[in-house]
Amino acid sequence: MMTRLNRRSVILLALATMMALLPLVFPSSYYFRVASLVWVSALAAIGLNILMGKAGQVSLGHAGFFGIGAYAVAIGPAHLGVNALAAVGIGALLSGLLAFLVGRPILRLKGHYLAIATLGLGVLIAMVITTESRWTGGPDGMPVAKLVLFGWRVSGSDTWYWITAGLLLIGTWIALNLDDTPTGRAFRALHDSETAARVAGVAVNRFKLQAFVIAAVYASVAGSALAMMNGFVNPDQAGFLHSVELVTMVVLGGLGSIVGSIVGAAVLVVLPQALTVFQEYEHFMLGLLIIVSMIFMRDGMVPMLARLITRGRR
């Protein structure tokens, strides 16, 4: 227990220190913007990793919940006169409620059946966002009102850097502490074997549903943060390609690794920016690097590096 406590403290301290030091080397506001995108993506990836890496369930429609959170902070202030912060909570509540209602039947499925069912859910959410143009602006998207805190209008890349960094720290702290709770231990049992977990007395369906709801809330909050930071939202944020990006972040960084989710998000957000020098070959190079990484690091980047460090010490 003490070792795990120390490990959690080290991870959180290292993450907070990195967040505090990075602005010292940023030459322009563009780098604050890119870092903020990393923090937001990492927050959504951590939630998805709880579902996939911890509880062993697949989701290919996770961007749907991201889109619900994003459109909640757009529709709430614009059409309902709701405060932006309250809209964040409403979006998270709606995402959690939808995950609870839909998750009860679809989480009884396994393997590729579950993957297709979650994909269908994501597609349905994206279709509703696209077709309900009176509320959402349709395919063109809609503007998002500025976040106001105690009379102060939040704006600027550097300000959003610290807000998104704080959200990621909170999300990381919750996810790390979840490991040592009865819920976290039940998730690990589900990941190893649902049959063995059921024999051991774990309420399999209930804990799978809990993981799905937790992941949905993480995605919704991340979507709300990105929408307010951009000042604009469009259906792409709830689209299938965004779901694939989130899954890639989790798998690339390492299933079951919270740190891996952050690393995977950083790679997938920063790498395309670095590869712009290749111009028309940018996407080809990105795909090639991901393929090579997965061939030589099948368990993900962070678990592979951890094993190499352990072997080096031995």
Protein backbone atom coordinates (compact mmCIF):
# COMPACT_ATOMS: atom_id res chain seq x y z
CA MET A 1 0.00 0.00 0.00
CA MET A 2 2.80 2.40 0.94
CA THR A 3 4.65 1.64 -2.30
CA ARG A 4 1.56 2.41 -4.38
CA LEU A 5 0.97 5.59 -2.38
CA ASN A 6 4.53 6.71 -3.07
CA ARG A 7 4.15 5.85 -6.74
CA ARG A 8 0.97 7.91 -7.05
CA SER A 9 2.62 10.85 -5.30
CA VAL A 10 5.67 10.64 -7.57
CA ILE A 11 3.53 10.55 -10.72
CA LEU A 12 1.40 13.51 -9.64
CA LEU A 13 4.43 15.52 -8.49
CA ALA A 14 6.30 14.79 -11.73
CA LEU A 15 3.28 15.79 -13.80
CA ALA A 16 2.70 19.00 -11.83
CA THR A 17 6.40 19.90 -12.03
CA MET A 18 6.44 19.36 -15.80
CA MET A 19 3.33 21.52 -16.19
CA ALA A 20 4.95 24.29 -14.13
CA LEU A 21 8.27 24.21 -16.01
CA LEU A 22 7.05 23.88 -19.60
CA PRO A 23 5.88 27.53 -19.91
CA LEU A 24 9.45 28.65 -19.13
CA VAL A 25 10.65 27.23 -22.46
CA PHE A 26 7.62 28.15 -24.62
CA PRO A 27 8.70 30.81 -27.15
CA SER A 28 5.14 31.78 -28.18
CA SER A 29 1.45 31.36 -27.38
CA TYR A 30 1.22 28.66 -30.07
CA TYR A 31 3.04 26.24 -27.75
CA PHE A 32 0.58 27.00 -24.94
CA ARG A 33 -2.20 26.11 -27.37
CA VAL A 34 -0.61 22.78 -28.37
CA ALA A 35 0.08 21.86 -24.73
CA SER A 36 -3.54 22.64 -23.81
CA LEU A 37 -4.71 20.30 -26.59
CA VAL A 38 -2.46 17.60 -25.10
CA TRP A 39 -3.95 18.06 -21.61
CA VAL A 40 -7.54 17.92 -22.91
CA SER A 41 -6.89 14.86 -25.08
CA ALA A 42 -5.08 13.15 -22.21
CA LEU A 43 -8.06 13.72 -19.91
CA ALA A 44 -10.41 11.98 -22.37
CA ALA A 45 -7.84 9.22 -22.95
CA ILE A 46 -7.51 8.54 -19.21
CA GLY A 47 -11.26 7.99 -18.95
CA LEU A 48 -11.22 5.66 -21.94
CA ASN A 49 -8.23 3.79 -20.45
CA ILE A 50 -10.23 3.15 -17.28
CA LEU A 51 -12.81 1.44 -19.48
CA MET A 52 -10.47 -0.39 -21.87
CA GLY A 53 -7.24 -0.85 -19.94
CA LYS A 54 -8.63 -1.37 -16.44
CA ALA A 55 -12.05 -2.97 -17.01
CA GLY A 56 -11.18 -4.62 -20.33
CA GLN A 57 -14.17 -3.28 -22.30
CA VAL A 58 -13.99 -1.90 -25.85
CA SER A 59 -15.47 1.40 -27.03
CA LEU A 60 -15.26 2.75 -30.58
CA GLY A 61 -17.79 5.54 -30.09
CA HIS A 62 -16.27 7.39 -27.18
CA ALA A 63 -16.09 10.69 -29.07
CA GLY A 64 -19.88 10.81 -28.86
CA PHE A 65 -19.65 11.65 -25.15
CA PHE A 66 -16.89 14.14 -25.96
CA GLY A 67 -19.32 15.81 -28.36
CA ILE A 68 -22.10 15.90 -25.77
CA GLY A 69 -19.84 17.80 -23.38
CA ALA A 70 -18.69 20.15 -26.14
CA TYR A 71 -22.21 20.98 -27.32
CA ALA A 72 -23.52 21.31 -23.76
CA VAL A 73 -21.38 24.43 -23.19
CA ALA A 74 -22.46 25.77 -26.58
CA ILE A 75 -26.21 25.10 -26.39
CA GLY A 76 -26.63 25.82 -22.66
CA PRO A 77 -25.62 29.52 -22.67
CA ALA A 78 -26.87 30.21 -26.22
CA HIS A 79 -30.36 28.64 -26.11
CA LEU A 80 -31.14 28.01 -22.44
CA GLY A 81 -29.39 30.90 -20.70
CA VAL A 82 -27.40 28.48 -18.53
CA ASN A 83 -24.08 29.52 -17.02
CA ALA A 84 -21.08 27.91 -18.78
CA LEU A 85 -19.87 26.15 -15.64
CA ALA A 86 -23.35 24.79 -15.00
CA ALA A 87 -23.43 23.63 -18.63
CA VAL A 88 -20.24 21.63 -18.02
CA GLY A 89 -22.00 19.82 -15.16
CA ILE A 90 -25.14 19.30 -17.24
CA GLY A 91 -23.07 17.84 -20.08
CA ALA A 92 -21.30 15.46 -17.71
CA LEU A 93 -24.63 14.47 -16.16
CA LEU A 94 -26.22 13.83 -19.56
CA SER A 95 -23.22 11.80 -20.71
CA GLY A 96 -23.22 9.72 -17.54
CA LEU A 97 -26.98 9.17 -17.76
CA LEU A 98 -26.81 8.15 -21.43
CA ALA A 99 -23.91 5.81 -20.69
CA PHE A 100 -25.90 4.28 -17.84
CA LEU A 101 -29.06 3.75 -19.92
CA VAL A 102 -27.35 2.51 -23.08
CA GLY A 103 -24.59 0.65 -21.27
CA ARG A 104 -26.97 -1.73 -19.51
CA PRO A 105 -27.90 -3.62 -22.69
CA ILE A 106 -24.77 -3.19 -24.84
CA LEU A 107 -22.24 -4.11 -22.16
CA ARG A 108 -23.76 -7.58 -22.08
CA LEU A 109 -22.06 -8.03 -25.47
CA LYS A 110 -18.43 -9.06 -25.81
CA GLY A 111 -15.55 -8.67 -28.24
CA HIS A 112 -16.31 -7.31 -31.70
CA TYR A 113 -20.07 -7.27 -30.94
CA LEU A 114 -19.44 -4.73 -28.17
CA ALA A 115 -17.09 -2.75 -30.42
CA ILE A 116 -19.78 -2.48 -33.14
CA ALA A 117 -22.46 -1.54 -30.60
CA THR A 118 -20.36 1.31 -29.15
CA LEU A 119 -19.47 2.40 -32.68
CA GLY A 120 -23.19 2.59 -33.46
CA LEU A 121 -23.79 4.68 -30.35
CA GLY A 122 -21.10 7.15 -31.38
CA VAL A 123 -22.48 7.38 -34.92
CA LEU A 124 -26.01 8.03 -33.59
CA ILE A 125 -24.81 10.85 -31.35
CA ALA A 126 -22.88 12.43 -34.24
CA MET A 127 -25.95 12.13 -36.51
CA VAL A 128 -28.21 13.83 -33.97
CA ILE A 129 -25.69 16.66 -33.56
CA THR A 130 -25.44 17.10 -37.33
CA THR A 131 -29.17 16.96 -38.13
CA GLU A 132 -30.55 19.05 -35.24
CA SER A 133 -29.28 22.24 -36.88
CA ARG A 134 -31.77 24.48 -35.05
CA TRP A 135 -29.97 23.68 -31.80
CA THR A 136 -26.47 22.74 -32.91
CA GLY A 137 -25.84 24.74 -36.07
CA GLY A 138 -25.69 21.53 -38.10
CA PRO A 139 -22.57 20.58 -40.05
CA ASP A 140 -21.22 24.15 -39.78
CA GLY A 141 -21.06 24.02 -35.98
CA MET A 142 -21.77 26.91 -33.63
CA PRO A 143 -19.89 29.43 -31.48
CA VAL A 144 -19.31 28.85 -27.77
CA ALA A 145 -19.74 31.62 -25.22
CA LYS A 146 -16.70 32.71 -23.24
CA LEU A 147 -16.28 31.22 -19.80
CA VAL A 148 -16.89 33.84 -17.09
CA LEU A 149 -15.54 33.29 -13.57
CA PHE A 150 -16.55 35.83 -10.92
CA GLY A 151 -16.99 38.50 -13.58
CA TRP A 152 -13.71 37.68 -15.34
CA ARG A 153 -13.91 36.53 -18.98
CA VAL A 154 -11.47 33.68 -19.43
CA SER A 155 -9.40 34.02 -22.58
CA GLY A 156 -5.87 33.55 -23.86
CA SER A 157 -3.81 30.44 -24.61
CA ASP A 158 -1.74 30.78 -21.45
CA THR A 159 -4.86 30.97 -19.25
CA TRP A 160 -6.38 27.89 -20.84
CA TYR A 161 -3.06 26.11 -20.44
CA TRP A 162 -3.36 26.34 -16.65
CA ILE A 163 -7.09 25.50 -16.61
CA THR A 164 -6.67 22.37 -18.72
CA ALA A 165 -3.54 21.40 -16.77
CA GLY A 166 -5.51 21.64 -13.53
CA LEU A 167 -8.31 19.50 -14.97
CA LEU A 168 -5.79 16.86 -16.07
CA LEU A 169 -4.15 16.81 -12.64
CA ILE A 170 -7.53 16.25 -10.98
CA GLY A 171 -8.46 13.55 -13.51
CA THR A 172 -5.10 11.81 -13.05
CA TRP A 173 -5.40 11.93 -9.26
CA ILE A 174 -8.89 10.37 -9.38
CA ALA A 175 -7.77 7.64 -11.81
CA LEU A 176 -4.65 6.76 -9.79
CA ASN A 177 -6.60 6.59 -6.53
CA LEU A 178 -9.25 4.43 -8.18
CA ASP A 179 -6.75 1.55 -8.41
CA ASP A 180 -6.72 0.90 -4.66
CA THR A 181 -10.49 1.07 -4.17
CA PRO A 182 -12.81 -1.96 -4.27
CA THR A 183 -14.06 -0.63 -7.61
CA GLY A 184 -10.54 -0.52 -9.04
CA ARG A 185 -9.81 -4.05 -7.87
CA ALA A 186 -13.09 -5.21 -9.43
CA PHE A 187 -12.08 -3.56 -12.72
CA ARG A 188 -8.77 -5.45 -12.70
CA ALA A 189 -10.60 -8.71 -12.02
CA LEU A 190 -12.90 -8.02 -14.99
CA HIS A 191 -9.92 -7.35 -17.21
CA ASP A 192 -8.25 -10.65 -16.29
CA SER A 193 -11.33 -12.84 -16.59
CA GLU A 194 -15.02 -12.06 -16.34
CA THR A 195 -15.77 -15.68 -15.47
CA ALA A 196 -13.23 -15.77 -12.65
CA ALA A 197 -14.44 -12.38 -11.40
CA ARG A 198 -18.04 -13.63 -11.32
CA VAL A 199 -17.00 -16.76 -9.42
CA ALA A 200 -15.12 -14.56 -6.93
CA GLY A 201 -18.33 -12.64 -6.20
CA VAL A 202 -17.77 -9.57 -8.39
CA ALA A 203 -20.97 -8.05 -9.79
CA VAL A 204 -19.66 -8.11 -13.35
CA ASN A 205 -22.45 -6.19 -15.09
CA ARG A 206 -22.56 -3.48 -12.42
CA PHE A 207 -18.82 -2.78 -12.52
CA LYS A 208 -18.67 -2.81 -16.32
CA LEU A 209 -21.44 -0.22 -16.28
CA GLN A 210 -19.57 1.87 -13.69
CA ALA A 211 -16.45 1.91 -15.88
CA PHE A 212 -18.52 2.96 -18.89
CA VAL A 213 -20.15 5.82 -16.97
CA ILE A 214 -16.82 7.03 -15.54
CA ALA A 215 -15.25 7.03 -19.01
CA ALA A 216 -18.23 8.96 -20.43
CA VAL A 217 -17.98 11.67 -17.75
CA TYR A 218 -14.23 12.08 -18.35
CA ALA A 219 -14.85 12.50 -22.10
CA SER A 220 -17.68 14.98 -21.54
CA VAL A 221 -15.61 17.25 -19.28
CA ALA A 222 -12.73 17.13 -21.76
CA GLY A 223 -15.12 18.03 -24.60
CA SER A 224 -16.51 20.98 -22.63
CA ALA A 225 -13.00 22.26 -21.91
CA LEU A 226 -11.96 22.05 -25.56
CA ALA A 227 -15.13 23.76 -26.79
CA MET A 228 -14.74 26.69 -24.40
CA MET A 229 -11.04 26.96 -25.21
CA ASN A 230 -11.69 27.03 -28.98
CA GLY A 231 -14.77 29.25 -28.75
CA PHE A 232 -16.34 27.06 -31.39
CA VAL A 233 -17.65 23.50 -31.76
CA ASN A 234 -18.48 21.31 -34.76
CA PRO A 235 -19.73 17.71 -35.28
CA ASP A 236 -16.19 16.43 -36.01
CA GLN A 237 -15.53 16.37 -32.28
CA ALA A 238 -18.16 13.65 -31.92
CA GLY A 239 -17.16 11.83 -35.09
CA PHE A 240 -15.80 8.33 -35.66
CA LEU A 241 -12.30 9.53 -36.55
CA HIS A 242 -12.02 11.30 -33.20
CA SER A 243 -13.06 8.06 -31.47
CA VAL A 244 -10.28 6.26 -33.35
CA GLU A 245 -7.80 8.93 -32.24
CA LEU A 246 -8.76 8.44 -28.59
CA VAL A 247 -8.43 4.66 -28.85
CA THR A 248 -5.05 5.09 -30.56
CA MET A 249 -3.83 7.33 -27.73
CA VAL A 250 -4.76 4.68 -25.17
CA VAL A 251 -3.24 1.75 -27.07
CA LEU A 252 -0.12 3.64 -28.13
CA GLY A 253 0.63 4.86 -24.61
CA GLY A 254 -0.26 1.55 -22.96
CA LEU A 255 -3.50 -0.12 -21.97
CA GLY A 256 -4.01 0.08 -18.22
CA SER A 257 -1.36 2.80 -17.79
CA ILE A 258 -2.61 6.22 -16.69
CA VAL A 259 0.76 7.76 -17.52
CA GLY A 260 0.55 5.96 -20.86
CA SER A 261 -2.68 7.82 -21.66
CA ILE A 262 -0.87 11.14 -21.20
CA VAL A 263 2.12 10.01 -23.25
CA GLY A 264 -0.13 8.64 -26.01
CA ALA A 265 -2.08 11.90 -26.15
CA ALA A 266 1.15 13.91 -26.29
CA VAL A 267 2.51 11.81 -29.16
CA LEU A 268 -0.67 11.96 -31.21
CA VAL A 269 -1.13 15.73 -30.71
CA VAL A 270 2.49 16.90 -30.97
CA LEU A 271 3.75 14.52 -33.67
CA PRO A 272 1.49 15.87 -36.47
CA GLN A 273 2.74 19.38 -35.66
CA ALA A 274 6.36 18.22 -35.93
CA LEU A 275 5.70 16.32 -39.17
CA THR A 276 4.32 19.35 -41.04
CA VAL A 277 7.81 19.77 -42.56
CA PHE A 278 7.02 16.72 -44.71
CA GLN A 279 4.02 18.59 -46.16
CA GLU A 280 1.93 16.16 -48.29
CA TYR A 281 3.67 13.14 -46.66
CA GLU A 282 2.65 14.21 -43.16
CA HIS A 283 -0.14 11.65 -42.71
CA PHE A 284 1.93 8.90 -44.31
CA MET A 285 4.80 9.53 -41.87
CA LEU A 286 2.42 9.66 -38.90
CA GLY A 287 0.80 6.35 -39.84
CA LEU A 288 4.19 4.73 -40.47
CA LEU A 289 5.54 5.82 -37.07
CA ILE A 290 2.45 4.50 -35.29
CA ILE A 291 2.71 1.14 -37.09
CA VAL A 292 6.41 0.81 -36.22
CA SER A 293 5.71 1.76 -32.59
CA MET A 294 3.00 -0.88 -32.26
CA ILE A 295 5.18 -3.57 -33.88
CA PHE A 296 8.07 -3.05 -31.49
CA MET A 297 6.06 -1.87 -28.46
CA ARG A 298 2.94 -4.05 -28.53
CA ASP A 299 2.00 -3.31 -24.91
CA GLY A 300 2.38 0.43 -25.43
CA MET A 301 5.18 2.90 -24.98
CA VAL A 302 5.11 3.35 -21.21
CA PRO A 303 4.87 -0.36 -20.20
CA MET A 304 7.66 -1.18 -22.68
CA LEU A 305 9.93 1.56 -21.34
CA ALA A 306 9.19 0.45 -17.77
CA ARG A 307 10.28 -3.10 -18.61
CA LEU A 308 13.49 -1.85 -20.25
CA ILE A 309 14.33 0.23 -17.17
CA THR A 310 13.67 -2.76 -14.91
CA ARG A 311 15.95 -4.98 -17.01
CA GLY A 312 18.64 -2.32 -16.96
CA ARG A 313 18.56 -2.19 -13.17
CA ARG A 314 18.85 -5.96 -12.95
